[in-house]
Amino acid sequence: MLKAAILDYTRYNHWANKALTDWLKSLDVRLLYKETPSSFSSIDLTLQHMKNAQNFWHVIIEVAEIHSLEEQIKTGSVDLVIEELLKGSQKMIEMVSFFTDEDLLTNVPSPTMIKTRYQFILHTINHNSYHRGQIITMARSFGITENIPDTDYEFYLWINKNEPKS
């Protein structure tokens, strides 16, 4: 039961990342680099942080070796960043699909604490949700009001209500 819930949530994360980034690709690319007051100074830098954090937590959840805690910034490469963000969220689905409930309940260490795999997975997805909301707010501050995607988990559940769950 736990695996099914966590797997669905990782699918939601990928779906929401794709919905957001598909929409961002429809905007004038200059807006993605435009500075605005937020946790990160542009949509591009926020996407990069999401990608880097998601990749970091993936390593923790796999209990692999961390090579660096520093985020690598790619200047002027928003298309590549989007591609890597989506690859990372797809990779999370694939990783979780191999876990059992017991694997998900196993404690794993991060640099600052020990928690279960599923707690770190939930954190990763919640973190992305937080920043997806920031990106939409940043776009609104630029006057964008058209075709803003609904990336809420409830909306994901509603549009997938008739699909079988594995």
N, C-alpha and C. Protein backbone atom coordinates (compact mmCIF):
# COMPACT_ATOMS: atom_id res chain seq x y z
N MET A 1 0.82 -1.19 0.00
CA MET A 1 0.00 0.00 0.00
C MET A 1 0.87 1.26 0.00
N LEU A 2 1.93 1.28 0.82
CA LEU A 2 2.81 2.44 0.87
C LEU A 2 3.45 2.67 -0.49
N LYS A 3 3.95 1.60 -1.10
CA LYS A 3 4.61 1.73 -2.39
C LYS A 3 3.65 2.35 -3.42
N ALA A 4 2.41 1.88 -3.46
CA ALA A 4 1.45 2.40 -4.43
C ALA A 4 1.24 3.90 -4.23
N ALA A 5 1.14 4.33 -2.99
CA ALA A 5 0.93 5.76 -2.71
C ALA A 5 2.15 6.59 -3.10
N ILE A 6 3.34 6.12 -2.74
CA ILE A 6 4.56 6.87 -3.05
C ILE A 6 4.81 6.86 -4.55
N LEU A 7 4.56 5.74 -5.21
CA LEU A 7 4.73 5.68 -6.66
C LEU A 7 3.78 6.65 -7.36
N ASP A 8 2.54 6.71 -6.90
CA ASP A 8 1.59 7.65 -7.49
C ASP A 8 2.06 9.09 -7.28
N TYR A 9 2.59 9.37 -6.10
CA TYR A 9 3.06 10.72 -5.80
C TYR A 9 4.28 11.10 -6.66
N THR A 10 5.16 10.13 -6.94
CA THR A 10 6.28 10.43 -7.83
C THR A 10 5.80 10.65 -9.26
N ARG A 11 4.76 9.93 -9.64
CA ARG A 11 4.17 10.16 -10.98
C ARG A 11 3.55 11.56 -11.04
N TYR A 12 2.89 11.95 -9.96
CA TYR A 12 2.34 13.30 -9.88
C TYR A 12 3.45 14.34 -10.05
N ASN A 13 4.56 14.16 -9.35
CA ASN A 13 5.66 15.11 -9.42
C ASN A 13 6.15 15.28 -10.86
N HIS A 14 6.31 14.17 -11.55
CA HIS A 14 6.77 14.24 -12.95
C HIS A 14 5.72 14.93 -13.82
N TRP A 15 4.48 14.57 -13.63
CA TRP A 15 3.38 15.18 -14.39
C TRP A 15 3.36 16.70 -14.16
N ALA A 16 3.47 17.12 -12.90
CA ALA A 16 3.43 18.55 -12.57
C ALA A 16 4.66 19.28 -13.14
N ASN A 17 5.83 18.65 -13.05
CA ASN A 17 7.02 19.27 -13.64
C ASN A 17 6.85 19.43 -15.14
N LYS A 18 6.27 18.42 -15.78
CA LYS A 18 6.07 18.49 -17.23
C LYS A 18 5.04 19.56 -17.58
N ALA A 19 3.94 19.61 -16.84
CA ALA A 19 2.91 20.63 -17.10
C ALA A 19 3.51 22.04 -16.98
N LEU A 20 4.28 22.25 -15.92
CA LEU A 20 4.89 23.56 -15.71
C LEU A 20 5.89 23.89 -16.82
N THR A 21 6.78 22.96 -17.12
CA THR A 21 7.83 23.26 -18.09
C THR A 21 7.29 23.35 -19.51
N ASP A 22 6.26 22.60 -19.84
CA ASP A 22 5.63 22.75 -21.16
C ASP A 22 5.08 24.17 -21.30
N TRP A 23 4.46 24.66 -20.24
CA TRP A 23 3.93 26.02 -20.25
C TRP A 23 5.06 27.04 -20.35
N LEU A 24 6.11 26.83 -19.58
CA LEU A 24 7.24 27.78 -19.62
C LEU A 24 7.84 27.86 -21.02
N LYS A 25 7.89 26.73 -21.72
CA LYS A 25 8.43 26.72 -23.08
C LYS A 25 7.59 27.55 -24.05
N SER A 26 6.33 27.79 -23.69
CA SER A 26 5.45 28.59 -24.56
C SER A 26 5.65 30.09 -24.35
N LEU A 27 6.38 30.47 -23.30
CA LEU A 27 6.60 31.88 -22.98
C LEU A 27 7.83 32.41 -23.71
N ASP A 28 7.93 33.71 -23.78
CA ASP A 28 9.15 34.35 -24.30
C ASP A 28 10.31 33.94 -23.40
N VAL A 29 11.31 33.30 -23.97
CA VAL A 29 12.42 32.75 -23.19
C VAL A 29 13.12 33.82 -22.35
N ARG A 30 13.08 35.08 -22.78
CA ARG A 30 13.71 36.15 -22.01
C ARG A 30 13.10 36.29 -20.62
N LEU A 31 11.80 35.95 -20.50
CA LEU A 31 11.15 36.03 -19.20
C LEU A 31 11.72 35.01 -18.21
N LEU A 32 12.23 33.91 -18.73
CA LEU A 32 12.77 32.87 -17.85
C LEU A 32 14.08 33.29 -17.20
N TYR A 33 14.73 34.28 -17.81
CA TYR A 33 15.99 34.79 -17.27
C TYR A 33 15.81 36.15 -16.56
N LYS A 34 14.63 36.72 -16.69
CA LYS A 34 14.37 38.04 -16.12
C LYS A 34 14.43 37.99 -14.59
N GLU A 35 15.08 38.98 -14.00
CA GLU A 35 15.22 39.01 -12.55
C GLU A 35 13.96 39.51 -11.88
N THR A 36 13.66 38.90 -10.74
CA THR A 36 12.53 39.27 -9.92
C THR A 36 12.82 38.86 -8.48
N PRO A 37 12.31 39.60 -7.50
CA PRO A 37 12.58 39.23 -6.11
C PRO A 37 11.87 37.91 -5.75
N SER A 38 12.64 36.93 -5.35
CA SER A 38 12.12 35.64 -4.93
C SER A 38 13.26 34.88 -4.24
N SER A 39 13.04 33.65 -3.89
CA SER A 39 14.11 32.85 -3.27
C SER A 39 15.32 32.78 -4.19
N PHE A 40 15.05 32.65 -5.49
CA PHE A 40 16.08 32.68 -6.53
C PHE A 40 15.68 33.80 -7.47
N SER A 41 16.63 34.45 -8.08
CA SER A 41 16.35 35.71 -8.77
C SER A 41 15.75 35.59 -10.16
N SER A 42 15.49 34.36 -10.63
CA SER A 42 14.84 34.20 -11.93
C SER A 42 14.15 32.84 -11.97
N ILE A 43 13.27 32.69 -12.94
CA ILE A 43 12.62 31.40 -13.15
C ILE A 43 13.68 30.36 -13.49
N ASP A 44 14.62 30.72 -14.35
CA ASP A 44 15.70 29.81 -14.72
C ASP A 44 16.46 29.31 -13.48
N LEU A 45 16.86 30.20 -12.61
CA LEU A 45 17.62 29.79 -11.42
C LEU A 45 16.76 28.94 -10.47
N THR A 46 15.47 29.20 -10.42
CA THR A 46 14.57 28.39 -9.60
C THR A 46 14.48 26.98 -10.17
N LEU A 47 14.35 26.87 -11.50
CA LEU A 47 14.34 25.55 -12.15
C LEU A 47 15.65 24.80 -11.89
N GLN A 48 16.75 25.53 -11.95
CA GLN A 48 18.05 24.89 -11.70
C GLN A 48 18.14 24.37 -10.27
N HIS A 49 17.63 25.16 -9.33
CA HIS A 49 17.63 24.71 -7.94
C HIS A 49 16.76 23.47 -7.78
N MET A 50 15.59 23.46 -8.40
CA MET A 50 14.70 22.30 -8.34
C MET A 50 15.41 21.06 -8.87
N LYS A 51 16.04 21.20 -10.03
CA LYS A 51 16.75 20.08 -10.66
C LYS A 51 17.87 19.58 -9.76
N ASN A 52 18.68 20.51 -9.26
CA ASN A 52 19.82 20.12 -8.43
C ASN A 52 19.37 19.47 -7.12
N ALA A 53 18.35 20.02 -6.49
CA ALA A 53 17.86 19.45 -5.23
C ALA A 53 17.25 18.07 -5.47
N GLN A 54 16.49 17.94 -6.53
CA GLN A 54 15.88 16.65 -6.85
C GLN A 54 16.97 15.59 -7.08
N ASN A 55 18.01 15.96 -7.80
CA ASN A 55 19.12 15.03 -8.04
C ASN A 55 19.86 14.69 -6.75
N PHE A 56 20.06 15.68 -5.88
CA PHE A 56 20.70 15.46 -4.59
C PHE A 56 19.91 14.43 -3.78
N TRP A 57 18.59 14.64 -3.66
CA TRP A 57 17.78 13.74 -2.84
C TRP A 57 17.68 12.37 -3.47
N HIS A 58 17.74 12.29 -4.78
CA HIS A 58 17.74 10.98 -5.43
C HIS A 58 18.96 10.18 -4.97
N VAL A 59 20.11 10.82 -4.90
CA VAL A 59 21.33 10.16 -4.44
C VAL A 59 21.17 9.70 -2.98
N ILE A 60 20.60 10.52 -2.15
CA ILE A 60 20.37 10.16 -0.74
C ILE A 60 19.45 8.94 -0.65
N ILE A 61 18.36 8.98 -1.39
CA ILE A 61 17.36 7.91 -1.33
C ILE A 61 17.96 6.59 -1.83
N GLU A 62 18.83 6.66 -2.81
CA GLU A 62 19.51 5.45 -3.32
C GLU A 62 20.62 4.98 -2.39
N VAL A 63 21.00 5.83 -1.43
CA VAL A 63 22.13 5.61 -0.55
C VAL A 63 23.42 5.47 -1.38
N ALA A 64 23.58 6.41 -2.27
CA ALA A 64 24.78 6.48 -3.10
C ALA A 64 25.72 7.53 -2.52
N GLU A 65 26.89 7.59 -3.06
CA GLU A 65 27.90 8.54 -2.56
C GLU A 65 27.65 9.94 -3.10
N ILE A 66 27.66 10.91 -2.19
CA ILE A 66 27.49 12.31 -2.57
C ILE A 66 28.87 12.87 -2.92
N HIS A 67 28.98 13.40 -4.11
CA HIS A 67 30.26 13.95 -4.55
C HIS A 67 30.39 15.43 -4.22
N SER A 68 29.28 16.15 -4.20
CA SER A 68 29.33 17.58 -3.91
C SER A 68 27.95 18.05 -3.50
N LEU A 69 27.93 18.97 -2.55
CA LEU A 69 26.66 19.57 -2.13
C LEU A 69 26.39 20.88 -2.87
N GLU A 70 27.34 21.33 -3.66
CA GLU A 70 27.18 22.58 -4.37
C GLU A 70 26.34 22.40 -5.63
N GLU A 71 25.42 23.35 -5.83
CA GLU A 71 24.60 23.32 -7.03
C GLU A 71 25.41 23.87 -8.20
N GLN A 72 25.39 23.17 -9.30
CA GLN A 72 26.08 23.63 -10.50
C GLN A 72 25.10 24.46 -11.33
N ILE A 73 25.47 25.72 -11.58
CA ILE A 73 24.62 26.64 -12.32
C ILE A 73 25.02 26.62 -13.79
N LYS A 74 24.02 26.51 -14.65
CA LYS A 74 24.24 26.51 -16.10
C LYS A 74 23.67 27.81 -16.65
N THR A 75 24.53 28.66 -17.14
CA THR A 75 24.11 29.96 -17.65
C THR A 75 23.53 29.83 -19.05
N GLY A 76 22.36 30.42 -19.27
CA GLY A 76 21.76 30.48 -20.59
C GLY A 76 21.37 29.13 -21.17
N SER A 77 21.03 28.16 -20.31
CA SER A 77 20.72 26.80 -20.78
C SER A 77 19.39 26.29 -20.25
N VAL A 78 18.37 27.13 -20.25
CA VAL A 78 17.11 26.75 -19.64
C VAL A 78 16.49 25.52 -20.29
N ASP A 79 16.64 25.35 -21.60
CA ASP A 79 16.09 24.15 -22.25
C ASP A 79 16.75 22.88 -21.71
N LEU A 80 18.06 22.92 -21.52
CA LEU A 80 18.78 21.78 -20.97
C LEU A 80 18.37 21.54 -19.52
N VAL A 81 18.20 22.60 -18.76
CA VAL A 81 17.79 22.47 -17.36
C VAL A 81 16.41 21.82 -17.28
N ILE A 82 15.49 22.25 -18.13
CA ILE A 82 14.15 21.65 -18.16
C ILE A 82 14.25 20.17 -18.48
N GLU A 83 15.04 19.83 -19.49
CA GLU A 83 15.22 18.43 -19.88
C GLU A 83 15.77 17.60 -18.71
N GLU A 84 16.76 18.14 -18.01
CA GLU A 84 17.36 17.43 -16.88
C GLU A 84 16.39 17.32 -15.70
N LEU A 85 15.59 18.35 -15.47
CA LEU A 85 14.58 18.29 -14.40
C LEU A 85 13.59 17.16 -14.68
N LEU A 86 13.13 17.08 -15.92
CA LEU A 86 12.17 16.03 -16.28
C LEU A 86 12.81 14.64 -16.24
N LYS A 87 14.04 14.53 -16.69
CA LYS A 87 14.74 13.24 -16.60
C LYS A 87 14.86 12.81 -15.14
N GLY A 88 15.16 13.76 -14.27
CA GLY A 88 15.29 13.45 -12.85
C GLY A 88 14.00 13.00 -12.22
N SER A 89 12.89 13.64 -12.57
CA SER A 89 11.61 13.22 -11.98
C SER A 89 11.16 11.88 -12.56
N GLN A 90 11.50 11.60 -13.81
CA GLN A 90 11.21 10.28 -14.39
C GLN A 90 12.07 9.21 -13.72
N LYS A 91 13.32 9.55 -13.45
CA LYS A 91 14.24 8.63 -12.79
C LYS A 91 13.74 8.29 -11.38
N MET A 92 13.11 9.26 -10.72
CA MET A 92 12.55 9.02 -9.39
C MET A 92 11.43 7.98 -9.47
N ILE A 93 10.59 8.08 -10.50
CA ILE A 93 9.51 7.08 -10.69
C ILE A 93 10.13 5.70 -10.86
N GLU A 94 11.13 5.61 -11.72
CA GLU A 94 11.77 4.32 -11.99
C GLU A 94 12.41 3.74 -10.74
N MET A 95 13.06 4.58 -9.94
CA MET A 95 13.69 4.12 -8.71
C MET A 95 12.63 3.57 -7.75
N VAL A 96 11.56 4.34 -7.54
CA VAL A 96 10.53 3.94 -6.59
C VAL A 96 9.84 2.66 -7.06
N SER A 97 9.71 2.46 -8.36
CA SER A 97 9.03 1.26 -8.86
C SER A 97 9.75 -0.03 -8.45
N PHE A 98 11.04 0.07 -8.15
CA PHE A 98 11.80 -1.11 -7.73
C PHE A 98 11.78 -1.32 -6.21
N PHE A 99 11.35 -0.32 -5.46
CA PHE A 99 11.33 -0.43 -4.01
C PHE A 99 10.12 -1.24 -3.54
N THR A 100 10.31 -1.94 -2.44
CA THR A 100 9.21 -2.58 -1.74
C THR A 100 8.77 -1.64 -0.62
N ASP A 101 7.66 -1.98 0.04
CA ASP A 101 7.25 -1.20 1.21
C ASP A 101 8.37 -1.20 2.25
N GLU A 102 9.01 -2.34 2.42
CA GLU A 102 10.11 -2.43 3.39
C GLU A 102 11.25 -1.49 3.01
N ASP A 103 11.59 -1.43 1.71
CA ASP A 103 12.63 -0.51 1.25
C ASP A 103 12.26 0.93 1.56
N LEU A 104 11.01 1.27 1.35
CA LEU A 104 10.55 2.64 1.58
C LEU A 104 10.57 3.00 3.06
N LEU A 105 10.41 2.01 3.91
CA LEU A 105 10.43 2.23 5.36
C LEU A 105 11.84 2.17 5.95
N THR A 106 12.83 1.88 5.13
CA THR A 106 14.22 1.79 5.59
C THR A 106 14.78 3.18 5.85
N ASN A 107 15.46 3.33 6.97
CA ASN A 107 16.13 4.59 7.29
C ASN A 107 17.37 4.75 6.43
N VAL A 108 17.57 5.95 5.91
CA VAL A 108 18.76 6.27 5.13
C VAL A 108 19.33 7.60 5.64
N PRO A 109 20.65 7.75 5.57
CA PRO A 109 21.26 8.99 6.09
C PRO A 109 21.37 10.07 5.03
N SER A 110 21.13 11.29 5.45
CA SER A 110 21.46 12.47 4.65
C SER A 110 22.64 13.13 5.39
N PRO A 111 23.20 14.21 4.86
CA PRO A 111 24.29 14.86 5.59
C PRO A 111 23.88 15.41 6.96
N THR A 112 22.58 15.61 7.19
CA THR A 112 22.16 16.25 8.44
C THR A 112 21.21 15.42 9.31
N MET A 113 20.68 14.31 8.77
CA MET A 113 19.72 13.53 9.55
C MET A 113 19.54 12.14 8.96
N ILE A 114 18.83 11.31 9.69
CA ILE A 114 18.45 9.99 9.20
C ILE A 114 16.92 9.93 9.22
N LYS A 115 16.34 9.60 8.09
CA LYS A 115 14.89 9.45 7.95
C LYS A 115 14.62 8.26 7.03
N THR A 116 13.36 7.90 6.89
CA THR A 116 13.02 6.82 5.97
C THR A 116 13.09 7.32 4.53
N ARG A 117 13.27 6.38 3.62
CA ARG A 117 13.29 6.74 2.19
C ARG A 117 12.02 7.48 1.81
N TYR A 118 10.86 6.96 2.25
CA TYR A 118 9.63 7.59 1.82
C TYR A 118 9.52 9.02 2.34
N GLN A 119 10.08 9.31 3.52
CA GLN A 119 10.05 10.69 4.02
C GLN A 119 10.88 11.61 3.13
N PHE A 120 12.05 11.14 2.69
CA PHE A 120 12.87 11.95 1.80
C PHE A 120 12.22 12.10 0.43
N ILE A 121 11.52 11.07 -0.03
CA ILE A 121 10.80 11.18 -1.31
C ILE A 121 9.69 12.23 -1.19
N LEU A 122 8.93 12.16 -0.11
CA LEU A 122 7.86 13.16 0.10
C LEU A 122 8.45 14.56 0.19
N HIS A 123 9.58 14.69 0.88
CA HIS A 123 10.23 16.00 0.96
C HIS A 123 10.60 16.51 -0.43
N THR A 124 11.19 15.66 -1.25
CA THR A 124 11.62 16.05 -2.59
C THR A 124 10.45 16.57 -3.41
N ILE A 125 9.35 15.86 -3.35
CA ILE A 125 8.17 16.25 -4.14
C ILE A 125 7.54 17.52 -3.56
N ASN A 126 7.47 17.62 -2.25
CA ASN A 126 6.95 18.83 -1.63
C ASN A 126 7.82 20.04 -1.97
N HIS A 127 9.13 19.84 -1.99
CA HIS A 127 10.06 20.90 -2.35
C HIS A 127 9.80 21.39 -3.78
N ASN A 128 9.62 20.46 -4.70
CA ASN A 128 9.31 20.85 -6.08
C ASN A 128 7.98 21.60 -6.16
N SER A 129 6.99 21.14 -5.40
CA SER A 129 5.68 21.81 -5.41
C SER A 129 5.81 23.26 -4.94
N TYR A 130 6.59 23.46 -3.90
CA TYR A 130 6.83 24.80 -3.37
C TYR A 130 7.41 25.71 -4.45
N HIS A 131 8.42 25.22 -5.14
CA HIS A 131 9.08 26.05 -6.16
C HIS A 131 8.25 26.18 -7.44
N ARG A 132 7.44 25.19 -7.76
CA ARG A 132 6.53 25.37 -8.90
C ARG A 132 5.58 26.54 -8.62
N GLY A 133 5.10 26.64 -7.40
CA GLY A 133 4.25 27.76 -7.03
C GLY A 133 4.98 29.09 -7.12
N GLN A 134 6.24 29.10 -6.70
CA GLN A 134 7.03 30.33 -6.82
C GLN A 134 7.18 30.73 -8.29
N ILE A 135 7.45 29.77 -9.15
CA ILE A 135 7.63 30.09 -10.57
C ILE A 135 6.36 30.69 -11.16
N ILE A 136 5.23 30.14 -10.81
CA ILE A 136 3.97 30.69 -11.32
C ILE A 136 3.77 32.11 -10.79
N THR A 137 4.10 32.34 -9.53
CA THR A 137 4.00 33.69 -8.97
C THR A 137 4.96 34.65 -9.66
N MET A 138 6.17 34.18 -9.96
CA MET A 138 7.14 35.02 -10.66
C MET A 138 6.60 35.39 -12.05
N ALA A 139 6.04 34.42 -12.75
CA ALA A 139 5.49 34.69 -14.08
C ALA A 139 4.33 35.69 -13.99
N ARG A 140 3.49 35.53 -12.99
CA ARG A 140 2.39 36.49 -12.81
C ARG A 140 2.92 37.90 -12.56
N SER A 141 4.05 38.00 -11.85
CA SER A 141 4.62 39.33 -11.59
C SER A 141 5.11 39.98 -12.89
N PHE A 142 5.35 39.18 -13.93
CA PHE A 142 5.73 39.70 -15.24
C PHE A 142 4.51 40.01 -16.10
N GLY A 143 3.31 39.82 -15.53
CA GLY A 143 2.09 40.09 -16.27
C GLY A 143 1.52 38.91 -17.03
N ILE A 144 2.07 37.72 -16.83
CA ILE A 144 1.58 36.53 -17.51
C ILE A 144 0.31 36.06 -16.79
N THR A 145 -0.77 35.93 -17.53
CA THR A 145 -2.03 35.48 -16.95
C THR A 145 -2.69 34.37 -17.78
N GLU A 146 -2.14 34.05 -18.93
CA GLU A 146 -2.75 33.09 -19.85
C GLU A 146 -2.17 31.69 -19.67
N ASN A 147 -3.04 30.70 -19.75
CA ASN A 147 -2.67 29.28 -19.82
C ASN A 147 -1.81 28.79 -18.66
N ILE A 148 -1.92 29.41 -17.50
CA ILE A 148 -1.15 28.99 -16.33
C ILE A 148 -1.62 27.59 -15.93
N PRO A 149 -0.70 26.64 -15.85
CA PRO A 149 -1.12 25.26 -15.55
C PRO A 149 -1.53 25.06 -14.10
N ASP A 150 -2.49 24.17 -13.91
CA ASP A 150 -2.89 23.76 -12.57
C ASP A 150 -2.04 22.54 -12.23
N THR A 151 -1.10 22.69 -11.31
CA THR A 151 -0.21 21.59 -10.95
C THR A 151 -0.52 21.04 -9.56
N ASP A 152 -1.72 21.30 -9.08
CA ASP A 152 -2.13 20.83 -7.76
C ASP A 152 -2.34 19.31 -7.78
N TYR A 153 -1.97 18.64 -6.70
CA TYR A 153 -2.13 17.19 -6.61
C TYR A 153 -3.58 16.77 -6.78
N GLU A 154 -4.50 17.55 -6.24
CA GLU A 154 -5.93 17.23 -6.38
C GLU A 154 -6.33 17.24 -7.85
N PHE A 155 -5.82 18.19 -8.64
CA PHE A 155 -6.14 18.24 -10.07
C PHE A 155 -5.57 17.01 -10.77
N TYR A 156 -4.35 16.62 -10.43
CA TYR A 156 -3.74 15.41 -10.97
C TYR A 156 -4.63 14.20 -10.67
N LEU A 157 -5.11 14.07 -9.43
CA LEU A 157 -5.99 12.96 -9.07
C LEU A 157 -7.28 13.01 -9.88
N TRP A 158 -7.83 14.20 -10.06
CA TRP A 158 -9.09 14.34 -10.79
C TRP A 158 -8.93 13.91 -12.25
N ILE A 159 -7.86 14.36 -12.92
CA ILE A 159 -7.72 14.00 -14.34
C ILE A 159 -7.32 12.55 -14.53
N ASN A 160 -6.81 11.91 -13.49
CA ASN A 160 -6.41 10.50 -13.57
C ASN A 160 -7.37 9.58 -12.80
N LYS A 161 -8.58 10.06 -12.50
CA LYS A 161 -9.48 9.31 -11.63
C LYS A 161 -9.91 7.96 -12.19
N ASN A 162 -9.89 7.81 -13.50
CA ASN A 162 -10.35 6.56 -14.10
C ASN A 162 -9.20 5.66 -14.54
N GLU A 163 -7.97 6.06 -14.27
CA GLU A 163 -6.83 5.22 -14.66
C GLU A 163 -6.50 4.25 -13.54
N PRO A 164 -6.24 3.00 -13.89
CA PRO A 164 -5.90 2.02 -12.84
C PRO A 164 -4.59 2.37 -12.17
N LYS A 165 -4.52 2.12 -10.89
CA LYS A 165 -3.32 2.39 -10.10
C LYS A 165 -2.55 1.09 -9.91
N SER A 166 -1.22 1.18 -10.02
CA SER A 166 -0.41 -0.01 -9.80
C SER A 166 0.36 0.09 -8.51
